[in-house]
Amino acid sequence: MIRSLALLAAVLVLLDTALTLPEPFPTLALLVAVATVGAVAWALAGLIFPRRDR
């Protein structure tokens, strides 16, 4: 759970950085936005469905 929260925090920092980039970098901002959505979904899945140790 702590790993998922740390990942979510890192993704929010990356998203904030991408949104404050100057205009000549729309491709990078779009790439970071797509990665952000994927990482948030992964972090939420880790919180909702935690890994079970055998």
N, C-alpha and C. Protein backbone atom coordinates (compact mmCIF):
# COMPACT_ATOMS: atom_id res chain seq x y z
N MET A 1 0.83 -1.19 0.00
CA MET A 1 0.00 0.00 0.00
C MET A 1 0.87 1.25 0.00
N ILE A 2 1.95 1.25 0.78
CA ILE A 2 2.83 2.41 0.82
C ILE A 2 3.50 2.62 -0.54
N ARG A 3 3.83 1.51 -1.20
CA ARG A 3 4.45 1.61 -2.52
C ARG A 3 3.49 2.24 -3.52
N SER A 4 2.20 1.88 -3.45
CA SER A 4 1.21 2.46 -4.35
C SER A 4 1.03 3.94 -4.08
N LEU A 5 1.03 4.34 -2.81
CA LEU A 5 0.88 5.75 -2.47
C LEU A 5 2.10 6.55 -2.92
N ALA A 6 3.29 5.96 -2.79
CA ALA A 6 4.50 6.64 -3.25
C ALA A 6 4.49 6.80 -4.76
N LEU A 7 4.03 5.78 -5.47
CA LEU A 7 3.91 5.87 -6.92
C LEU A 7 2.92 6.95 -7.31
N LEU A 8 1.80 7.02 -6.63
CA LEU A 8 0.80 8.03 -6.91
C LEU A 8 1.35 9.43 -6.67
N ALA A 9 2.11 9.62 -5.61
CA ALA A 9 2.70 10.92 -5.32
C ALA A 9 3.72 11.31 -6.41
N ALA A 10 4.53 10.35 -6.83
CA ALA A 10 5.51 10.64 -7.89
C ALA A 10 4.82 11.00 -9.20
N VAL A 11 3.73 10.33 -9.49
CA VAL A 11 3.00 10.62 -10.72
C VAL A 11 2.37 12.01 -10.67
N LEU A 12 1.87 12.41 -9.52
CA LEU A 12 1.29 13.75 -9.40
C LEU A 12 2.36 14.82 -9.60
N VAL A 13 3.57 14.58 -9.11
CA VAL A 13 4.67 15.52 -9.34
C VAL A 13 5.01 15.60 -10.82
N LEU A 14 5.06 14.45 -11.49
CA LEU A 14 5.35 14.44 -12.93
C LEU A 14 4.26 15.17 -13.72
N LEU A 15 3.01 14.96 -13.34
CA LEU A 15 1.91 15.63 -14.03
C LEU A 15 2.00 17.14 -13.83
N ASP A 16 2.33 17.57 -12.64
CA ASP A 16 2.48 19.00 -12.38
C ASP A 16 3.61 19.58 -13.22
N THR A 17 4.70 18.83 -13.34
CA THR A 17 5.82 19.28 -14.17
C THR A 17 5.41 19.37 -15.64
N ALA A 18 4.66 18.39 -16.11
CA ALA A 18 4.26 18.38 -17.52
C ALA A 18 3.30 19.53 -17.82
N LEU A 19 2.46 19.87 -16.88
CA LEU A 19 1.49 20.94 -17.13
C LEU A 19 2.13 22.32 -17.09
N THR A 20 3.31 22.43 -16.48
CA THR A 20 3.97 23.74 -16.42
C THR A 20 5.07 23.88 -17.47
N LEU A 21 5.21 22.90 -18.36
CA LEU A 21 6.22 23.01 -19.42
C LEU A 21 5.79 24.08 -20.41
N PRO A 22 6.76 24.73 -21.06
CA PRO A 22 6.42 25.71 -22.09
C PRO A 22 5.75 25.05 -23.30
N GLU A 23 5.15 25.85 -24.13
CA GLU A 23 4.33 25.36 -25.24
C GLU A 23 5.06 24.48 -26.26
N PRO A 24 6.36 24.65 -26.54
CA PRO A 24 6.99 23.79 -27.57
C PRO A 24 7.08 22.31 -27.22
N PHE A 25 6.58 21.90 -26.06
CA PHE A 25 6.70 20.51 -25.66
C PHE A 25 5.34 19.81 -25.51
N PRO A 26 4.44 19.94 -26.48
CA PRO A 26 3.13 19.28 -26.31
C PRO A 26 3.23 17.76 -26.36
N THR A 27 4.18 17.23 -27.12
CA THR A 27 4.31 15.78 -27.22
C THR A 27 4.76 15.19 -25.89
N LEU A 28 5.71 15.84 -25.25
CA LEU A 28 6.18 15.38 -23.95
C LEU A 28 5.06 15.46 -22.91
N ALA A 29 4.30 16.55 -22.95
CA ALA A 29 3.19 16.71 -22.00
C ALA A 29 2.14 15.63 -22.23
N LEU A 30 1.87 15.31 -23.48
CA LEU A 30 0.89 14.27 -23.79
C LEU A 30 1.39 12.91 -23.33
N LEU A 31 2.68 12.64 -23.55
CA LEU A 31 3.27 11.37 -23.12
C LEU A 31 3.21 11.23 -21.60
N VAL A 32 3.54 12.30 -20.89
CA VAL A 32 3.49 12.26 -19.43
C VAL A 32 2.06 12.10 -18.95
N ALA A 33 1.10 12.73 -19.64
CA ALA A 33 -0.30 12.59 -19.25
C ALA A 33 -0.79 11.15 -19.43
N VAL A 34 -0.40 10.51 -20.52
CA VAL A 34 -0.79 9.12 -20.74
C VAL A 34 -0.13 8.21 -19.70
N ALA A 35 1.14 8.46 -19.42
CA ALA A 35 1.83 7.67 -18.39
C ALA A 35 1.21 7.89 -17.02
N THR A 36 0.75 9.12 -16.78
CA THR A 36 0.11 9.43 -15.50
C THR A 36 -1.18 8.65 -15.33
N VAL A 37 -1.99 8.63 -16.35
CA VAL A 37 -3.25 7.88 -16.28
C VAL A 37 -2.98 6.40 -16.03
N GLY A 38 -2.00 5.84 -16.73
CA GLY A 38 -1.66 4.44 -16.53
C GLY A 38 -1.13 4.16 -15.13
N ALA A 39 -0.27 5.05 -14.63
CA ALA A 39 0.30 4.84 -13.30
C ALA A 39 -0.75 5.00 -12.20
N VAL A 40 -1.66 5.96 -12.38
CA VAL A 40 -2.74 6.13 -11.40
C VAL A 40 -3.64 4.90 -11.38
N ALA A 41 -3.96 4.38 -12.56
CA ALA A 41 -4.79 3.17 -12.62
C ALA A 41 -4.06 1.99 -11.96
N TRP A 42 -2.75 1.89 -12.18
CA TRP A 42 -1.96 0.81 -11.58
C TRP A 42 -1.92 0.96 -10.06
N ALA A 43 -1.72 2.20 -9.59
CA ALA A 43 -1.67 2.44 -8.14
C ALA A 43 -3.02 2.15 -7.50
N LEU A 44 -4.11 2.57 -8.13
CA LEU A 44 -5.44 2.30 -7.58
C LEU A 44 -5.73 0.80 -7.58
N ALA A 45 -5.30 0.11 -8.62
CA ALA A 45 -5.50 -1.34 -8.65
C ALA A 45 -4.71 -2.00 -7.53
N GLY A 46 -3.52 -1.48 -7.23
CA GLY A 46 -2.73 -2.02 -6.13
C GLY A 46 -3.37 -1.77 -4.78
N LEU A 47 -4.08 -0.65 -4.66
CA LEU A 47 -4.77 -0.36 -3.41
C LEU A 47 -6.05 -1.18 -3.26
N ILE A 48 -6.76 -1.35 -4.37
CA ILE A 48 -8.04 -2.07 -4.32
C ILE A 48 -7.82 -3.57 -4.25
N PHE A 49 -6.87 -4.07 -5.04
CA PHE A 49 -6.59 -5.51 -5.09
C PHE A 49 -5.15 -5.75 -4.64
N PRO A 50 -4.89 -5.73 -3.33
CA PRO A 50 -3.50 -5.92 -2.88
C PRO A 50 -2.99 -7.31 -3.21
N ARG A 51 -1.68 -7.39 -3.41
CA ARG A 51 -1.04 -8.66 -3.72
C ARG A 51 -1.07 -9.56 -2.50
N ARG A 52 -1.44 -10.78 -2.70
CA ARG A 52 -1.52 -11.72 -1.57
C ARG A 52 -0.25 -12.56 -1.54
N ASP A 53 0.37 -12.59 -0.39
CA ASP A 53 1.58 -13.41 -0.22
C ASP A 53 1.20 -14.86 -0.04
N ARG A 54 2.00 -15.72 -0.64
CA ARG A 54 1.68 -17.16 -0.56
C ARG A 54 2.29 -17.78 0.66
